[in-house]
């Protein structure tokens, strides 16, 4: 990247080199804390996508044949390079997203390094069936191979972390990549691509910026053997449809509407604090955020009062303020979306905390609690993706499960209770890919993350996520051959 006339000029990373879009077009990159443009990024077209896939195809010839030990070493070097330049990654990520600097430094960049190191080790421990004579006179064994060239699309809510979630298992398995970050948050992904070009062979990881048309060109291109996206249900459906034309493998991590079930025996104060932290982190812009509370009717009023008090303690503000809990929503369209949900609340709903935009500079919204909602209300059924927590009531365990499962999403959920048996029953009944008990939102690299229903299919993180980027081949040899 370079800086010209007070604007940073960002460039694609293709074949290990930084390049502008072939036709010179660019898009505006805005600091959501100020609403002001601070950089220009390439608006890539089909020529750029072709070039990136060409580079990835050429690189796959060598990278796909490397040993697990060689790939492990390369990923460890990449992790070390990010760790050594952590302050730079924090600054770039924070400016592009508006995230608080102190939280980006503690909660986001270190896990990115850890996840790369996990997959570096995972490259050397893939499981498989033992070779053996499953038919008389023949020996069979299983080869686990890289899928090939992979096209990936990442979202704007966690630009760096979601890029790591995508590239780490794919690279560890021996694939090469063409990745498109969101058009509103390309900066940290391009820095990642630049750093990767210093430790990976040219063309192994290519970063192509652009808009939705660029994304369509990337996922509908004939070259990739697999496409993977973290994004909205709409985007995921379009990716799956485009991939179907060429029978590509597809990996989808889409939206969420996490139910948070609070039973009467829960520690209400601890639940309110934990849910507020998990609901407002990153301004609620998280598919797993604790944004849909179901609380037992007998403790509803006490819990809502505690949650409202916790919300008032979650202050939003500019990135360099060490006392803020979250920053702005990502862009002007998202601000309109979040405030639109609040403007359209039904008469039976009541805003008990927050509910307003903060200031007229940047895209800040107060930590908000909305009570009195019903199951069919828009704010309950649709993903708001902002700092808004809704509250409903239930009367018994069966009703809680019915309400929790009564949305089209199936990504994450949590149960808050001191009854061990109830926790086990409810965790079994919840139709969500992740269930937390008396906590919400922690992730570890060793455990899988991914959803059901409209939240998509495939797993990120863990050995399950690693296996998604491999293919299985059966080889059989006759004794007499």
Protein backbone atom coordinates (compact mmCIF):
# COMPACT_ATOMS: atom_id res chain seq x y z
CA UNK A 1 0.00 0.00 0.00
CA UNK A 2 1.09 3.60 -0.50
CA UNK A 3 -0.23 7.00 0.55
CA UNK A 4 -1.05 9.67 -2.04
CA UNK A 5 -2.82 13.02 -1.56
CA UNK A 6 -3.75 12.04 2.03
CA UNK A 7 -5.51 8.86 0.85
CA UNK A 8 -3.97 5.43 1.31
CA UNK A 9 -3.82 3.53 -1.97
CA UNK A 10 -4.48 -0.18 -1.38
CA UNK A 11 -3.53 -2.85 -3.91
CA UNK A 12 -4.46 -6.46 -4.63
CA UNK A 13 -1.94 -9.19 -3.87
CA UNK A 14 -1.66 -11.53 -6.87
CA UNK A 15 1.17 -13.96 -7.44
CA UNK A 16 3.08 -12.50 -4.50
CA UNK A 17 3.05 -8.95 -5.93
CA UNK A 18 0.94 -5.90 -5.12
CA UNK A 19 -1.14 -4.74 -8.08
CA UNK A 20 -3.87 -2.18 -8.78
CA UNK A 21 -6.99 -3.29 -10.61
CA UNK A 22 -6.19 -3.98 -14.26
CA UNK A 23 -8.51 -1.20 -15.44
CA UNK A 24 -7.47 1.20 -12.66
CA UNK A 25 -10.89 1.38 -10.98
CA UNK A 26 -11.09 1.88 -7.21
CA UNK A 27 -13.64 2.00 -4.41
CA UNK A 28 -13.80 4.21 -1.34
CA UNK A 29 -12.77 2.86 2.08
CA UNK A 30 -14.37 4.73 4.99
CA UNK A 31 -13.40 5.00 8.65
CA UNK A 32 -16.71 4.16 10.42
CA UNK A 33 -15.67 6.20 13.45
CA UNK A 34 -15.71 9.37 11.37
CA UNK A 35 -17.71 8.48 8.27
CA UNK A 36 -14.83 9.86 6.20
CA UNK A 37 -12.97 8.25 3.33
CA UNK A 38 -9.35 7.48 4.18
CA UNK A 39 -8.28 4.97 1.52
CA UNK A 40 -8.96 3.68 -1.98
CA UNK A 41 -9.04 -0.03 -2.80
CA UNK A 42 -9.01 -1.80 -6.17
CA UNK A 43 -12.38 -2.46 -7.78
CA UNK A 44 -11.31 -5.69 -9.41
CA UNK A 45 -12.89 -7.09 -12.54
CA UNK A 46 -12.79 -10.39 -14.40
CA UNK A 47 -9.26 -9.73 -15.63
CA UNK A 48 -8.00 -9.46 -12.06
CA UNK A 49 -9.93 -12.55 -10.96
CA UNK A 50 -8.53 -14.48 -13.93
CA UNK A 51 -5.01 -13.39 -13.02
CA UNK A 52 -5.46 -14.43 -9.39
CA UNK A 53 -6.81 -17.86 -10.29
CA UNK A 54 -4.00 -18.25 -12.81
CA UNK A 55 -1.46 -17.52 -10.09
CA UNK A 56 -3.18 -19.89 -7.66
CA UNK A 57 -3.31 -22.65 -10.28
CA UNK A 58 0.37 -22.31 -11.06
CA UNK A 59 1.29 -22.27 -7.38
CA UNK A 60 -0.81 -25.35 -6.61
CA UNK A 61 1.47 -27.52 -8.73
CA UNK A 62 4.18 -27.10 -6.11
CA UNK A 63 2.27 -26.24 -2.92
CA UNK A 64 -0.10 -29.18 -3.27
CA UNK A 65 2.88 -31.56 -3.21
CA UNK A 66 4.64 -30.10 -0.19
CA UNK A 67 4.97 -32.27 2.88
CA UNK A 68 2.92 -31.56 6.00
CA UNK A 69 6.14 -30.54 7.74
CA UNK A 70 6.87 -27.96 5.06
CA UNK A 71 3.37 -26.50 5.30
CA UNK A 72 3.58 -26.48 9.08
CA UNK A 73 6.81 -24.50 8.98
CA UNK A 74 5.36 -21.98 6.52
CA UNK A 75 2.27 -21.38 8.67
CA UNK A 76 4.37 -21.05 11.80
CA UNK A 77 6.48 -18.43 10.04
CA UNK A 78 3.33 -16.58 9.00
CA UNK A 79 2.04 -16.68 12.59
CA UNK A 80 5.38 -15.35 13.85
CA UNK A 81 5.35 -12.55 11.28
CA UNK A 82 1.86 -11.44 12.33
CA UNK A 83 2.83 -11.58 15.99
CA UNK A 84 5.94 -9.49 15.33
CA UNK A 85 3.84 -6.89 13.50
CA UNK A 86 0.88 -7.10 15.87
CA UNK A 87 0.78 -3.36 16.53
CA UNK A 88 0.54 -2.68 12.80
CA UNK A 89 -2.28 -5.18 12.36
CA UNK A 90 -4.14 -3.69 15.34
CA UNK A 91 -3.85 -0.17 13.94
CA UNK A 92 -4.95 -1.16 10.43
CA UNK A 93 -7.85 -3.31 11.65
CA UNK A 94 -9.05 -0.70 14.11
CA UNK A 95 -9.06 2.17 11.61
CA UNK A 96 -10.86 0.14 8.96
CA UNK A 97 -13.55 -1.19 11.34
CA UNK A 98 -13.72 1.33 14.19
CA UNK A 99 -13.00 -1.42 16.74
CA UNK A 100 -11.48 -0.29 20.04
CA UNK A 101 -7.70 -0.54 19.88
CA UNK A 102 -7.35 -2.20 23.28
CA UNK A 103 -9.84 -4.96 22.45
CA UNK A 104 -8.37 -5.58 19.00
CA UNK A 105 -4.96 -5.94 20.60
CA UNK A 106 -6.12 -8.43 23.25
CA UNK A 107 -9.14 -10.25 21.78
CA UNK A 108 -8.52 -10.49 18.04
CA UNK A 109 -4.91 -10.45 16.85
CA UNK A 110 -3.60 -12.99 19.43
CA UNK A 111 -6.31 -15.57 18.54
CA UNK A 112 -5.41 -15.14 14.85
CA UNK A 113 -1.83 -16.09 15.66
CA UNK A 114 -2.98 -19.01 17.81
CA UNK A 115 -5.31 -20.34 15.11
CA UNK A 116 -2.54 -20.31 12.52
CA UNK A 117 -0.33 -22.25 14.91
CA UNK A 118 -3.09 -24.77 15.58
CA UNK A 119 -3.55 -25.51 11.89
CA UNK A 120 0.19 -25.62 11.40
CA UNK A 121 0.26 -28.52 13.84
CA UNK A 122 -2.92 -30.04 12.44
CA UNK A 123 -1.23 -30.40 9.06
CA UNK A 124 0.79 -33.28 10.50
CA UNK A 125 -1.88 -35.28 12.34
CA UNK A 126 -4.69 -36.06 9.89
CA UNK A 127 -6.48 -39.30 10.79
CA UNK A 128 -7.52 -42.04 8.38
CA UNK A 129 -8.29 -45.72 8.06
CA UNK A 130 -5.40 -48.14 8.40
CA UNK A 131 -4.19 -49.77 5.20
CA UNK A 132 -5.34 -53.36 5.08
CA UNK A 133 -6.69 -56.30 3.12
CA UNK A 134 -10.40 -55.63 3.02
CA UNK A 135 -10.70 -57.96 0.02
CA UNK A 136 -8.68 -61.13 -0.38
CA UNK A 137 -5.61 -60.60 -2.51
CA UNK A 138 -5.87 -56.80 -2.40
CA UNK A 139 -4.52 -54.06 -0.15
CA UNK A 140 -6.49 -50.83 0.24
CA UNK A 141 -5.54 -47.50 1.73
CA UNK A 142 -6.94 -43.99 1.82
CA UNK A 143 -5.22 -40.87 0.58
CA UNK A 144 -6.30 -37.54 1.95
CA UNK A 145 -5.46 -34.83 -0.58
CA UNK A 146 -5.96 -31.06 -0.94
CA UNK A 147 -9.10 -30.08 -2.81
CA UNK A 148 -7.12 -27.79 -5.13
CA UNK A 149 -7.67 -24.10 -5.79
CA UNK A 150 -10.14 -22.50 -3.38
CA UNK A 151 -12.11 -19.26 -3.79
CA UNK A 152 -13.00 -17.57 -0.48
CA UNK A 153 -15.12 -14.56 0.52
CA UNK A 154 -14.91 -12.96 3.96
CA UNK A 155 -17.18 -10.44 5.76
CA UNK A 156 -16.65 -7.01 7.30
CA UNK A 157 -17.37 -7.78 10.96
CA UNK A 158 -14.05 -9.55 11.69
CA UNK A 159 -11.97 -8.92 8.55
CA UNK A 160 -8.64 -10.26 9.79
CA UNK A 161 -9.93 -13.10 11.95
CA UNK A 162 -12.34 -14.42 9.34
CA UNK A 163 -9.54 -14.35 6.77
CA UNK A 164 -7.43 -16.46 9.14
CA UNK A 165 -10.32 -18.87 9.74
CA UNK A 166 -10.55 -19.35 5.99
CA UNK A 167 -6.92 -19.48 4.90
CA UNK A 168 -5.35 -21.43 7.80
CA UNK A 169 -7.05 -24.82 7.24
CA UNK A 170 -7.00 -24.45 3.46
CA UNK A 171 -3.26 -23.74 3.38
CA UNK A 172 -2.48 -26.43 5.95
CA UNK A 173 -4.22 -28.98 3.72
CA UNK A 174 -2.15 -27.94 0.69
CA UNK A 175 -4.66 -25.80 -1.19
CA UNK A 176 -3.99 -22.45 -2.85
CA UNK A 177 -6.36 -19.54 -2.43
CA UNK A 178 -8.01 -16.54 -4.06
CA UNK A 179 -9.73 -14.53 -1.31
CA UNK A 180 -11.98 -11.48 -1.60
CA UNK A 181 -12.48 -9.38 1.53
CA UNK A 182 -15.52 -7.16 2.03
CA UNK A 183 -15.40 -3.96 0.01
CA UNK A 184 -15.80 -1.91 3.21
CA UNK A 185 -12.93 -3.58 5.14
CA UNK A 186 -10.11 -4.70 2.82
CA UNK A 187 -7.16 -3.11 4.63
CA UNK A 188 -6.12 -5.76 7.18
CA UNK A 189 -6.67 -8.61 4.72
CA UNK A 190 -4.39 -6.90 2.21
CA UNK A 191 -1.77 -6.45 4.94
CA UNK A 192 -2.13 -10.17 5.67
CA UNK A 193 -1.62 -10.93 1.97
CA UNK A 194 1.46 -8.72 1.87
CA UNK A 195 2.98 -10.39 4.93
CA UNK A 196 2.09 -13.84 3.59
CA UNK A 197 3.87 -13.07 0.32
CA UNK A 198 7.09 -12.76 2.34
CA UNK A 199 6.83 -16.31 3.76
CA UNK A 200 4.72 -18.29 1.25
CA UNK A 201 5.56 -19.13 -2.36
CA UNK A 202 4.11 -16.67 -4.92
CA UNK A 203 0.48 -17.38 -5.79
CA UNK A 204 -0.31 -19.59 -2.79
CA UNK A 205 -2.43 -16.80 -1.25
CA UNK A 206 -3.95 -14.14 -3.50
CA UNK A 207 -6.13 -11.25 -2.30
CA UNK A 208 -8.53 -9.59 -4.76
CA UNK A 209 -10.63 -6.59 -3.65
CA UNK A 210 -13.90 -5.43 -5.10
CA UNK A 211 -17.66 -5.24 -4.81
CA UNK A 212 -20.47 -7.77 -5.20
CA UNK A 213 -19.78 -8.10 -8.90
CA UNK A 214 -16.20 -9.04 -8.08
CA UNK A 215 -17.49 -11.62 -5.62
CA UNK A 216 -19.82 -13.08 -8.23
CA UNK A 217 -16.95 -13.34 -10.70
CA UNK A 218 -14.85 -15.09 -8.07
CA UNK A 219 -17.39 -17.73 -7.05
CA UNK A 220 -18.81 -18.40 -10.53
CA UNK A 221 -15.36 -18.74 -12.13
CA UNK A 222 -14.74 -22.17 -13.60
CA UNK A 223 -11.29 -22.61 -12.04
CA UNK A 224 -11.81 -23.06 -8.29
CA UNK A 225 -12.46 -26.56 -7.02
CA UNK A 226 -14.20 -25.21 -3.93
CA UNK A 227 -15.72 -21.93 -2.76
CA UNK A 228 -16.15 -20.85 0.86
CA UNK A 229 -17.91 -17.82 2.30
CA UNK A 230 -18.67 -16.26 5.63
CA UNK A 231 -21.55 -13.86 5.11
CA UNK A 232 -25.30 -13.37 4.96
CA UNK A 233 -27.88 -16.00 4.06
CA UNK A 234 -28.59 -14.11 0.84
CA UNK A 235 -24.93 -14.12 -0.14
CA UNK A 236 -24.56 -17.77 0.78
CA UNK A 237 -27.55 -18.78 -1.32
CA UNK A 238 -26.12 -16.93 -4.30
CA UNK A 239 -22.73 -18.58 -3.83
CA UNK A 240 -24.28 -22.04 -3.63
CA UNK A 241 -26.33 -21.40 -6.77
CA UNK A 242 -23.31 -20.11 -8.69
CA UNK A 243 -21.15 -23.03 -7.56
CA UNK A 244 -23.79 -25.56 -8.58
CA UNK A 245 -23.32 -24.73 -12.25
CA UNK A 246 -19.81 -26.21 -12.12
CA UNK A 247 -20.52 -28.72 -9.30
CA UNK A 248 -18.02 -27.06 -6.97
CA UNK A 249 -17.70 -27.95 -3.32
CA UNK A 250 -19.20 -25.25 -1.11
CA UNK A 251 -18.51 -24.21 2.49
CA UNK A 252 -21.03 -21.76 3.99
CA UNK A 253 -20.91 -19.98 7.36
CA UNK A 254 -23.89 -17.66 7.28
CA UNK A 255 -26.13 -15.69 9.63
CA UNK A 256 -27.35 -16.36 13.13
CA UNK A 257 -30.00 -15.44 15.64
CA UNK A 258 -28.69 -16.97 18.83
CA UNK A 259 -31.23 -17.87 21.52
CA UNK A 260 -30.05 -17.25 25.07
CA UNK A 261 -32.24 -19.21 27.49
CA UNK A 262 -32.22 -17.93 31.08
CA UNK A 263 -33.96 -20.21 33.57
CA UNK A 264 -35.29 -19.05 36.93
CA UNK A 265 -32.50 -20.76 38.85
CA UNK A 266 -29.72 -18.98 36.95
CA UNK A 267 -27.46 -16.46 38.61
CA UNK A 268 -29.29 -13.48 37.12
CA UNK A 269 -26.61 -10.90 37.82
CA UNK A 270 -23.89 -13.05 36.25
CA UNK A 271 -26.16 -13.92 33.32
CA UNK A 272 -26.97 -10.27 32.66
CA UNK A 273 -23.30 -9.28 32.69
CA UNK A 274 -22.25 -12.22 30.54
CA UNK A 275 -25.05 -11.75 28.02
CA UNK A 276 -24.41 -8.01 27.73
CA UNK A 277 -20.74 -8.66 27.08
CA UNK A 278 -21.54 -11.29 24.45
CA UNK A 279 -24.36 -9.29 22.89
CA UNK A 280 -22.65 -5.93 22.51
CA UNK A 281 -19.12 -7.02 21.71
CA UNK A 282 -18.13 -5.67 18.29
CA UNK A 283 -21.35 -3.62 18.34
CA UNK A 284 -23.36 -6.85 18.13
CA UNK A 285 -21.96 -7.48 14.66
CA UNK A 286 -21.40 -11.17 15.22
CA UNK A 287 -23.43 -14.09 13.87
CA UNK A 288 -23.04 -15.77 17.26
CA UNK A 289 -23.88 -12.69 19.37
CA UNK A 290 -26.15 -13.14 22.40
CA UNK A 291 -28.95 -11.01 20.99
CA UNK A 292 -32.19 -13.03 21.54
CA UNK A 293 -32.90 -13.64 25.21
CA UNK A 294 -35.62 -16.02 26.40
CA UNK A 295 -36.14 -15.63 30.15
CA UNK A 296 -38.48 -17.48 32.51
CA UNK A 297 -41.56 -15.38 33.22
CA UNK A 298 -41.09 -15.61 37.00
CA UNK A 299 -37.79 -13.70 36.88
CA UNK A 300 -38.43 -11.57 33.79
CA UNK A 301 -38.66 -8.19 35.50
CA UNK A 302 -35.58 -8.73 37.68
CA UNK A 303 -33.55 -9.97 34.74
CA UNK A 304 -34.59 -7.15 32.40
CA UNK A 305 -33.65 -4.61 35.07
CA UNK A 306 -30.23 -6.26 35.47
CA UNK A 307 -29.69 -6.47 31.71
CA UNK A 308 -30.68 -2.84 31.20
CA UNK A 309 -28.21 -1.80 33.90
CA UNK A 310 -25.49 -3.90 32.24
CA UNK A 311 -26.31 -2.33 28.87
CA UNK A 312 -25.91 1.16 30.27
CA UNK A 313 -22.41 0.15 31.35
CA UNK A 314 -21.47 -0.87 27.78
CA UNK A 315 -20.34 2.43 26.29
CA UNK A 316 -19.56 2.97 22.62
CA UNK A 317 -16.94 5.36 21.32
CA UNK A 318 -13.85 5.99 19.21
CA UNK A 319 -11.08 3.38 18.90
CA UNK A 320 -8.45 5.11 21.04
CA UNK A 321 -10.75 5.50 24.07
CA UNK A 322 -9.61 2.77 26.49
CA UNK A 323 -12.92 2.79 28.36
CA UNK A 324 -15.28 1.94 25.49
CA UNK A 325 -16.77 -1.54 25.15
CA UNK A 326 -17.47 -1.39 21.43
CA UNK A 327 -17.11 0.87 18.42
CA UNK A 328 -19.44 1.93 15.61
CA UNK A 329 -21.41 -0.29 13.30
CA UNK A 330 -19.47 -0.89 10.13
CA UNK A 331 -20.99 1.39 7.49
CA UNK A 332 -23.79 3.78 6.65
CA UNK A 333 -26.03 1.05 5.23
CA UNK A 334 -25.64 -0.99 8.40
CA UNK A 335 -26.47 2.05 10.51
CA UNK A 336 -29.68 2.47 8.52
CA UNK A 337 -30.46 -1.23 8.96
CA UNK A 338 -30.04 -1.19 12.74
CA UNK A 339 -31.93 2.06 13.30
CA UNK A 340 -34.61 0.82 10.90
CA UNK A 341 -35.31 -2.18 13.15
CA UNK A 342 -35.67 0.18 16.12
CA UNK A 343 -37.94 2.55 14.21
CA UNK A 344 -40.22 -0.33 13.19
CA UNK A 345 -40.65 -1.91 16.64
CA UNK A 346 -44.28 -2.90 17.30
CA UNK A 347 -46.39 -1.07 19.87
CA UNK A 348 -46.22 -3.97 22.34
CA UNK A 349 -42.41 -3.71 22.50
CA UNK A 350 -40.61 -1.39 24.90
CA UNK A 351 -37.07 -0.04 24.73
CA UNK A 352 -35.74 -0.28 28.28
CA UNK A 353 -32.16 0.83 27.53
CA UNK A 354 -30.52 2.70 24.66
CA UNK A 355 -32.38 2.78 21.38
CA UNK A 356 -30.69 5.71 19.67
CA UNK A 357 -27.82 6.69 17.45
CA UNK A 358 -24.96 8.38 19.29
CA UNK A 359 -23.86 11.72 17.84
CA UNK A 360 -23.88 12.68 14.18
CA UNK A 361 -20.27 11.74 13.31
CA UNK A 362 -19.53 8.11 12.55
CA UNK A 363 -21.95 5.21 12.88
CA UNK A 364 -22.41 4.78 16.62
CA UNK A 365 -25.50 3.18 18.22
CA UNK A 366 -26.25 2.83 21.95
CA UNK A 367 -26.31 -0.55 23.65
CA UNK A 368 -30.02 -1.32 23.46
CA UNK A 369 -32.44 -3.67 25.25
CA UNK A 370 -35.93 -4.26 23.82
CA UNK A 371 -38.49 -6.14 25.95
CA UNK A 372 -42.05 -7.26 25.33
CA UNK A 373 -41.40 -8.86 21.95
CA UNK A 374 -43.32 -11.78 20.47
CA UNK A 375 -42.00 -14.73 18.50
CA UNK A 376 -43.23 -13.53 15.11
CA UNK A 377 -41.86 -10.01 15.46
CA UNK A 378 -39.28 -8.92 12.90
CA UNK A 379 -36.71 -8.11 15.57
CA UNK A 380 -36.93 -11.68 16.87
CA UNK A 381 -36.91 -13.48 13.53
CA UNK A 382 -34.37 -11.44 11.53
CA UNK A 383 -30.71 -10.78 12.19
CA UNK A 384 -30.26 -7.16 13.30
CA UNK A 385 -26.45 -7.33 13.43
CA UNK A 386 -26.14 -4.39 15.76
CA UNK A 387 -25.96 -3.62 19.52
CA UNK A 388 -29.56 -4.66 20.18
CA UNK A 389 -30.66 -7.43 22.58
CA UNK A 390 -34.29 -8.54 22.53
CA UNK A 391 -36.11 -10.20 25.43
CA UNK A 392 -39.04 -12.67 25.40
CA UNK A 393 -40.57 -14.83 28.14
CA UNK A 394 -41.32 -18.53 28.52
CA UNK A 395 -43.11 -20.57 31.17
CA UNK A 396 -41.51 -24.02 30.98
CA UNK A 397 -38.62 -25.93 29.44
CA UNK A 398 -40.57 -27.22 26.45
CA UNK A 399 -41.76 -23.74 25.51
CA UNK A 400 -38.23 -22.36 25.85
CA UNK A 401 -36.92 -24.98 23.40
CA UNK A 402 -39.77 -24.37 20.96
CA UNK A 403 -39.18 -20.61 20.95
CA UNK A 404 -35.41 -21.03 20.73
CA UNK A 405 -35.64 -23.32 17.70
CA UNK A 406 -38.39 -21.26 16.07
CA UNK A 407 -36.15 -19.29 13.70
CA UNK A 408 -34.57 -20.16 10.36
CA UNK A 409 -31.04 -19.89 11.75
CA UNK A 410 -29.07 -22.58 13.57
CA UNK A 411 -25.61 -21.24 14.37
CA UNK A 412 -25.20 -20.73 18.12
CA UNK A 413 -27.10 -20.67 21.41
CA UNK A 414 -26.63 -20.72 25.16
CA UNK A 415 -28.35 -22.03 28.30
CA UNK A 416 -28.12 -20.36 31.69
CA UNK A 417 -29.09 -22.58 34.64
CA UNK A 418 -27.63 -24.19 37.76
CA UNK A 419 -29.47 -27.47 37.05
CA UNK A 420 -27.00 -29.85 35.40
CA UNK A 421 -29.64 -32.23 34.08
CA UNK A 422 -31.62 -29.38 32.53
CA UNK A 423 -28.49 -28.03 30.88
CA UNK A 424 -27.83 -31.41 29.27
CA UNK A 425 -31.44 -31.86 28.11
CA UNK A 426 -31.68 -28.41 26.60
CA UNK A 427 -28.27 -28.56 24.94
CA UNK A 428 -29.36 -31.78 23.25
CA UNK A 429 -32.67 -30.29 22.09
CA UNK A 430 -31.31 -27.01 20.72
CA UNK A 431 -30.97 -27.12 16.91
CA UNK A 432 -27.78 -25.06 16.77
CA UNK A 433 -24.21 -25.89 15.87
CA UNK A 434 -22.81 -24.40 19.09
CA UNK A 435 -24.36 -24.53 22.56
CA UNK A 436 -22.74 -22.74 25.51
CA UNK A 437 -23.75 -23.39 29.13
CA UNK A 438 -23.53 -20.45 31.56
CA UNK A 439 -21.37 -18.54 29.11
CA UNK A 440 -21.67 -17.26 25.55
CA UNK A 441 -19.27 -16.55 22.66
CA UNK A 442 -15.86 -18.03 23.66
CA UNK A 443 -14.11 -19.97 20.89
CA UNK A 444 -11.04 -22.18 20.86
CA UNK A 445 -9.15 -23.37 17.79
CA UNK A 446 -9.59 -27.03 18.77
CA UNK A 447 -13.40 -26.98 18.68
CA UNK A 448 -15.63 -26.69 15.55
CA UNK A 449 -17.75 -23.69 14.68
CA UNK A 450 -20.56 -23.92 12.14
CA UNK A 451 -24.31 -24.03 11.92
CA UNK A 452 -27.43 -25.80 10.73
CA UNK A 453 -30.44 -24.74 8.68
CA UNK A 454 -30.03 -21.31 7.05
CA UNK A 455 -26.81 -20.75 8.96
CA UNK A 456 -25.05 -22.93 6.40
CA UNK A 457 -22.91 -26.05 6.41
CA UNK A 458 -19.29 -26.95 6.91
CA UNK A 459 -17.13 -26.14 9.93
CA UNK A 460 -14.54 -23.51 10.71
CA UNK A 461 -11.76 -24.16 13.23
CA UNK A 462 -10.82 -27.62 14.59
CA UNK A 463 -9.87 -30.78 12.73
CA UNK A 464 -13.40 -30.80 11.25
CA UNK A 465 -12.67 -27.47 9.59
CA UNK A 466 -9.36 -28.84 8.35
CA UNK A 467 -11.00 -31.93 6.84
CA UNK A 468 -13.45 -29.73 4.92
CA UNK A 469 -10.53 -28.59 2.77
CA UNK A 470 -9.44 -32.12 1.89
CA UNK A 471 -10.71 -34.83 -0.43
CA UNK A 472 -10.63 -38.60 0.07
CA UNK A 473 -9.20 -41.06 -2.44
CA UNK A 474 -9.34 -44.85 -2.11
CA UNK A 475 -6.33 -46.69 -3.61
CA UNK A 476 -6.41 -50.49 -4.03
CA UNK A 477 -3.58 -52.70 -5.21
CA UNK A 478 -3.78 -56.37 -6.13
CA UNK A 479 -1.08 -58.56 -4.57
CA UNK A 480 -0.07 -59.94 -7.97
CA UNK A 481 0.02 -56.60 -9.80
